[in-house]
Amino acid sequence: MQPWKVCEWGSSGALSINFLALHGFGGAGEDFSSLASSLAPGRAQWRAPTVVYHAGAPWESALGRVLPQLHSVIPEAWSTTQPILLGYSMGARLALHFALQYPKSTRAIILVGGTPGVVDHVERSVRRAQDEALAERILQDGVEAFEAFWRRQPLIATQSQIPEKVLKPMMERRLNNKPEVLASTLMAFSQGVMPPVWDRLSEIQCPVLLAVGERDEKYKTIAQSVVDHIPQADLCILPNAGHAAHLENEPAFMKCCEKFINKLEAN
């Protein structure tokens, strides 16, 4: 595995809160810069890797390679205060798998637009075929054309309401993705490839916050079900937001997170 770029924010020292932030498909660690400047300022340290999966390795072996690399992003200085995992979409799926593999390295989890996966074998095969077609589209049409197509999808279209100061640099970063790496990353973390973990959710003993936009009907339904499977789970539905709810309505997301963190620190 090639090394990832890791963004860091916050001051070093004796801090009460550490965040390991995991972005969505095609995103980058920098996508969390706005949140890092506003959430628990002066009390938190952040690490946000740009998670990519380079072509050449089998997709089915991705988790076995990626999870240890994610674990290596956690610095030794965090050994006394394990990180809160903050994952969006693809990053939320990775956060669930990470927490199950490294429970002692997980203080809590915040999931935005996440799912434990697709259980039905037929649905998984269909999803894999759909993502293979998308990956081929990336390779044939290039990143710019794919991004134009991707932004028109209903799940993604609500991101147009993300504030310009956040959205513009985020889109510039997305256009800098390499086609081969973007296509390989799509398949490695496809819901048709990643194993579902619905049957293991009860193993997650740390506190979990599920944040979802009220306009994200599919993932709102999923989140409402996930809450019933995890012992210490809370659900926060963010108004006027879709799939990327943490960016589409950052003030509401911050309010949910602050309440969750205060509860976490009180215990």
Protein backbone atom coordinates (compact mmCIF):
# COMPACT_ATOMS: atom_id res chain seq x y z
CA MET A 1 0.00 0.00 0.00
CA GLN A 2 1.26 3.45 -0.89
CA PRO A 3 1.28 6.01 1.94
CA TRP A 4 -1.73 8.31 2.27
CA LYS A 5 -1.73 12.04 2.69
CA VAL A 6 -2.88 12.82 6.23
CA CYS A 7 -4.27 16.21 7.22
CA GLU A 8 -3.79 17.31 10.81
CA TRP A 9 -5.48 20.08 12.74
CA GLY A 10 -5.46 21.17 16.36
CA SER A 11 -2.67 21.67 18.82
CA SER A 12 -0.60 18.86 20.25
CA GLY A 13 -0.52 18.21 23.95
CA ALA A 14 -2.89 16.99 26.61
CA LEU A 15 -6.19 17.08 24.76
CA SER A 16 -9.47 15.50 25.70
CA ILE A 17 -10.77 14.73 22.21
CA ASN A 18 -9.13 13.12 19.18
CA PHE A 19 -10.84 12.66 15.82
CA LEU A 20 -9.96 10.21 13.06
CA ALA A 21 -12.02 11.51 10.13
CA LEU A 22 -12.83 9.42 7.06
CA HIS A 23 -14.16 11.07 3.90
CA GLY A 24 -16.58 9.84 1.26
CA PHE A 25 -15.92 8.43 -2.20
CA GLY A 26 -13.75 10.73 -4.31
CA GLY A 27 -13.15 13.03 -1.37
CA ALA A 28 -10.05 13.90 0.61
CA GLY A 29 -8.92 14.51 4.16
CA GLU A 30 -9.13 18.26 3.53
CA ASP A 31 -12.91 17.92 3.28
CA PHE A 32 -13.02 18.09 7.09
CA SER A 33 -11.10 21.36 7.44
CA SER A 34 -14.20 23.44 8.15
CA LEU A 35 -15.47 21.04 10.80
CA ALA A 36 -12.03 20.77 12.39
CA SER A 37 -11.91 24.53 12.91
CA SER A 38 -15.33 24.63 14.55
CA LEU A 39 -15.97 21.39 16.44
CA ALA A 40 -14.53 21.39 19.97
CA PRO A 41 -12.02 24.18 19.16
CA GLY A 42 -9.03 24.24 21.47
CA ARG A 43 -9.93 20.83 22.86
CA ALA A 44 -9.45 18.54 19.88
CA GLN A 45 -6.82 17.15 17.59
CA TRP A 46 -7.73 15.82 14.15
CA ARG A 47 -6.23 13.39 11.68
CA ALA A 48 -7.91 12.92 8.32
CA PRO A 49 -6.25 10.62 5.78
CA THR A 50 -7.06 10.72 2.08
CA VAL A 51 -8.09 7.08 1.70
CA VAL A 52 -7.45 5.69 -1.77
CA TYR A 53 -6.96 2.17 -3.08
CA HIS A 54 -4.50 1.89 -5.93
CA ALA A 55 -5.15 -0.35 -8.89
CA GLY A 56 -3.37 -3.67 -9.03
CA ALA A 57 -4.51 -5.32 -5.81
CA PRO A 58 -7.67 -7.46 -5.68
CA TRP A 59 -10.73 -5.53 -4.54
CA GLU A 60 -11.78 -8.29 -2.15
CA SER A 61 -8.52 -7.89 -0.21
CA ALA A 62 -8.95 -4.14 0.25
CA LEU A 63 -10.16 -4.19 3.87
CA GLY A 64 -7.32 -6.47 4.94
CA ARG A 65 -4.87 -3.92 3.59
CA VAL A 66 -6.67 -0.68 4.41
CA LEU A 67 -7.74 -1.23 8.03
CA PRO A 68 -4.17 -1.77 9.33
CA GLN A 69 -3.07 1.31 7.39
CA LEU A 70 -5.88 3.31 8.98
CA HIS A 71 -4.78 2.07 12.39
CA SER A 72 -1.25 3.27 11.69
CA VAL A 73 -2.60 6.81 11.22
CA ILE A 74 -3.37 6.94 14.95
CA PRO A 75 -0.31 8.48 16.65
CA GLU A 76 1.27 7.02 19.77
CA ALA A 77 0.33 10.22 21.60
CA TRP A 78 -3.33 9.22 21.35
CA SER A 79 -2.81 5.96 23.25
CA THR A 80 -4.37 7.36 26.43
CA THR A 81 -7.38 8.91 24.67
CA GLN A 82 -8.50 6.82 21.74
CA PRO A 83 -10.06 8.60 18.78
CA ILE A 84 -13.64 9.27 17.90
CA LEU A 85 -14.17 7.90 14.39
CA LEU A 86 -16.02 10.35 12.16
CA GLY A 87 -16.99 8.80 8.84
CA TYR A 88 -19.09 10.02 5.94
CA SER A 89 -20.67 7.59 3.44
CA MET A 90 -17.75 5.42 2.25
CA GLY A 91 -15.87 6.61 5.33
CA ALA A 92 -18.78 5.60 7.54
CA ARG A 93 -18.63 2.05 6.20
CA LEU A 94 -14.89 1.98 6.85
CA ALA A 95 -15.46 3.32 10.37
CA LEU A 96 -17.79 0.44 11.20
CA HIS A 97 -15.30 -2.14 9.95
CA PHE A 98 -12.46 -0.39 11.80
CA ALA A 99 -14.39 -0.33 15.08
CA LEU A 100 -15.13 -4.04 14.79
CA GLN A 101 -11.50 -4.91 14.08
CA TYR A 102 -9.96 -2.44 16.53
CA PRO A 103 -12.48 -1.92 19.35
CA LYS A 104 -9.76 -0.90 21.82
CA SER A 105 -8.70 1.86 19.43
CA THR A 106 -12.19 3.32 19.14
CA ARG A 107 -13.61 5.66 21.77
CA ALA A 108 -16.82 6.45 19.89
CA ILE A 109 -18.20 6.64 16.35
CA ILE A 110 -20.01 9.37 14.43
CA LEU A 111 -21.55 8.12 11.20
CA VAL A 112 -22.94 10.40 8.49
CA GLY A 113 -24.93 8.74 5.72
CA GLY A 114 -23.58 5.32 6.64
CA THR A 115 -24.75 1.76 6.11
CA PRO A 116 -23.60 -1.61 7.47
CA GLY A 117 -23.83 -2.95 3.94
CA VAL A 118 -26.02 -5.00 1.64
CA VAL A 119 -27.01 -8.42 2.96
CA ASP A 120 -29.06 -9.86 0.11
CA HIS A 121 -26.83 -11.76 -2.34
CA VAL A 122 -28.81 -10.71 -5.39
CA GLU A 123 -28.78 -7.06 -4.35
CA ARG A 124 -25.04 -7.28 -3.70
CA SER A 125 -24.44 -8.69 -7.18
CA VAL A 126 -26.55 -5.94 -8.73
CA ARG A 127 -24.71 -3.26 -6.76
CA ARG A 128 -21.34 -4.68 -7.75
CA ALA A 129 -22.33 -4.69 -11.42
CA GLN A 130 -23.56 -1.10 -11.13
CA ASP A 131 -20.30 0.02 -9.54
CA GLU A 132 -18.25 -1.86 -12.12
CA ALA A 133 -20.13 0.11 -14.79
CA LEU A 134 -19.38 3.36 -12.95
CA ALA A 135 -15.70 2.43 -12.65
CA GLU A 136 -15.57 1.74 -16.38
CA ARG A 137 -17.24 5.08 -17.00
CA ILE A 138 -14.51 6.83 -15.01
CA LEU A 139 -11.79 5.12 -17.04
CA GLN A 140 -13.45 5.79 -20.39
CA ASP A 141 -14.78 9.33 -19.89
CA GLY A 142 -12.24 10.76 -17.45
CA VAL A 143 -12.69 12.39 -14.07
CA GLU A 144 -14.16 15.71 -15.22
CA ALA A 145 -16.96 14.09 -17.23
CA PHE A 146 -17.65 11.59 -14.46
CA GLU A 147 -17.89 14.33 -11.83
CA ALA A 148 -20.38 16.25 -13.98
CA PHE A 149 -22.47 13.07 -14.21
CA TRP A 150 -22.02 12.25 -10.52
CA ARG A 151 -23.20 15.68 -9.33
CA ARG A 152 -26.48 15.18 -11.16
CA GLN A 153 -27.36 12.03 -9.20
CA PRO A 154 -30.20 12.66 -6.71
CA LEU A 155 -28.13 11.41 -3.75
CA ILE A 156 -25.34 13.87 -4.56
CA ALA A 157 -27.29 16.80 -6.04
CA THR A 158 -28.13 18.28 -2.63
CA GLN A 159 -24.42 19.02 -2.13
CA SER A 160 -25.00 22.13 -4.23
CA GLN A 161 -26.22 23.78 -1.02
CA ILE A 162 -22.85 23.34 0.69
CA PRO A 163 -21.39 26.83 1.31
CA GLU A 164 -19.24 27.98 -1.60
CA LYS A 165 -16.14 28.44 0.55
CA VAL A 166 -16.28 24.72 1.36
CA LEU A 167 -17.73 23.38 -1.90
CA LYS A 168 -15.40 25.11 -4.36
CA PRO A 169 -12.09 23.74 -3.01
CA MET A 170 -13.71 20.37 -2.46
CA MET A 171 -14.74 20.18 -6.11
CA GLU A 172 -11.27 21.29 -7.23
CA ARG A 173 -9.75 18.45 -5.23
CA ARG A 174 -12.18 15.95 -6.73
CA LEU A 175 -11.22 17.00 -10.25
CA ASN A 176 -7.58 16.28 -9.40
CA ASN A 177 -8.31 12.60 -8.76
CA LYS A 178 -6.58 10.16 -11.09
CA PRO A 179 -9.04 8.02 -13.09
CA GLU A 180 -7.35 4.70 -12.32
CA VAL A 181 -7.17 5.39 -8.59
CA LEU A 182 -10.73 6.73 -8.41
CA ALA A 183 -12.11 3.68 -10.24
CA SER A 184 -10.11 1.27 -8.08
CA THR A 185 -11.21 3.02 -4.88
CA LEU A 186 -14.84 2.88 -5.99
CA MET A 187 -14.66 -0.88 -6.44
CA ALA A 188 -12.59 -1.63 -3.35
CA PHE A 189 -15.19 0.02 -1.11
CA SER A 190 -18.27 -0.81 -3.15
CA GLN A 191 -21.27 -2.01 -1.18
CA GLY A 192 -21.26 -4.92 -3.59
CA VAL A 193 -17.74 -5.87 -2.49
CA MET A 194 -17.44 -4.89 1.20
CA PRO A 195 -18.94 -7.57 3.45
CA PRO A 196 -22.06 -6.47 5.34
CA VAL A 197 -21.81 -6.19 9.13
CA TRP A 198 -25.45 -6.01 10.18
CA ASP A 199 -25.06 -9.24 12.14
CA ARG A 200 -22.10 -7.80 14.08
CA LEU A 201 -23.50 -4.42 15.10
CA SER A 202 -24.32 -5.66 18.60
CA GLU A 203 -20.56 -6.16 19.13
CA ILE A 204 -20.03 -2.38 19.00
CA GLN A 205 -20.04 -1.39 22.66
CA CYS A 206 -18.82 2.20 22.32
CA PRO A 207 -21.22 5.16 21.93
CA VAL A 208 -22.37 5.79 18.36
CA LEU A 209 -24.04 8.83 16.81
CA LEU A 210 -25.84 8.38 13.51
CA ALA A 211 -26.36 11.68 11.71
CA VAL A 212 -28.49 11.77 8.58
CA GLY A 213 -30.13 14.47 6.49
CA GLU A 214 -33.91 14.61 6.57
CA ARG A 215 -33.94 14.62 2.75
CA ASP A 216 -31.81 11.48 2.55
CA GLU A 217 -34.74 9.06 2.70
CA LYS A 218 -32.79 5.87 1.97
CA TYR A 219 -30.10 6.44 4.58
CA LYS A 220 -32.57 7.83 7.09
CA THR A 221 -34.39 4.49 6.98
CA ILE A 222 -31.09 2.63 7.34
CA ALA A 223 -30.01 4.79 10.30
CA GLN A 224 -33.31 4.20 12.08
CA SER A 225 -32.70 0.46 11.80
CA VAL A 226 -29.03 0.64 12.81
CA VAL A 227 -29.96 2.44 16.04
CA ASP A 228 -31.93 -0.64 17.10
CA HIS A 229 -28.90 -2.92 16.59
CA ILE A 230 -26.20 -0.98 18.49
CA PRO A 231 -26.45 -0.86 22.31
CA GLN A 232 -25.31 2.76 22.74
CA ALA A 233 -26.58 4.47 19.60
CA ASP A 234 -28.26 7.85 19.13
CA LEU A 235 -29.92 9.18 15.98
CA CYS A 236 -29.80 12.80 14.86
CA ILE A 237 -31.83 13.84 11.81
CA LEU A 238 -30.52 17.09 10.34
CA PRO A 239 -33.09 19.44 8.78
CA ASN A 240 -32.68 20.88 5.28
CA ALA A 241 -29.91 18.43 4.40
CA GLY A 242 -29.34 15.44 2.15
CA HIS A 243 -26.63 12.76 2.08
CA ALA A 244 -23.64 14.98 2.95
CA ALA A 245 -25.54 16.32 5.93
CA HIS A 246 -22.42 17.30 7.89
CA LEU A 247 -21.54 19.85 5.19
CA GLU A 248 -25.00 20.71 3.89
CA ASN A 249 -26.15 21.83 7.35
CA GLU A 250 -22.97 22.18 9.34
CA PRO A 251 -24.52 24.21 12.22
CA ALA A 252 -27.11 21.50 12.91
CA PHE A 253 -24.45 18.79 12.65
CA MET A 254 -22.21 20.67 15.07
CA LYS A 255 -25.03 20.95 17.57
CA CYS A 256 -25.66 17.18 17.43
CA CYS A 257 -21.94 16.41 17.78
CA GLU A 258 -21.43 18.79 20.69
CA LYS A 259 -24.31 17.19 22.57
CA PHE A 260 -22.89 13.73 21.81
CA ILE A 261 -19.37 14.72 22.91
CA ASN A 262 -20.60 16.35 26.12
CA LYS A 263 -22.46 13.16 26.97
CA LEU A 264 -19.37 11.11 26.12
CA GLU A 265 -17.12 13.19 28.37
CA ALA A 266 -19.61 13.13 31.22
CA ASN A 267 -19.47 9.33 31.41
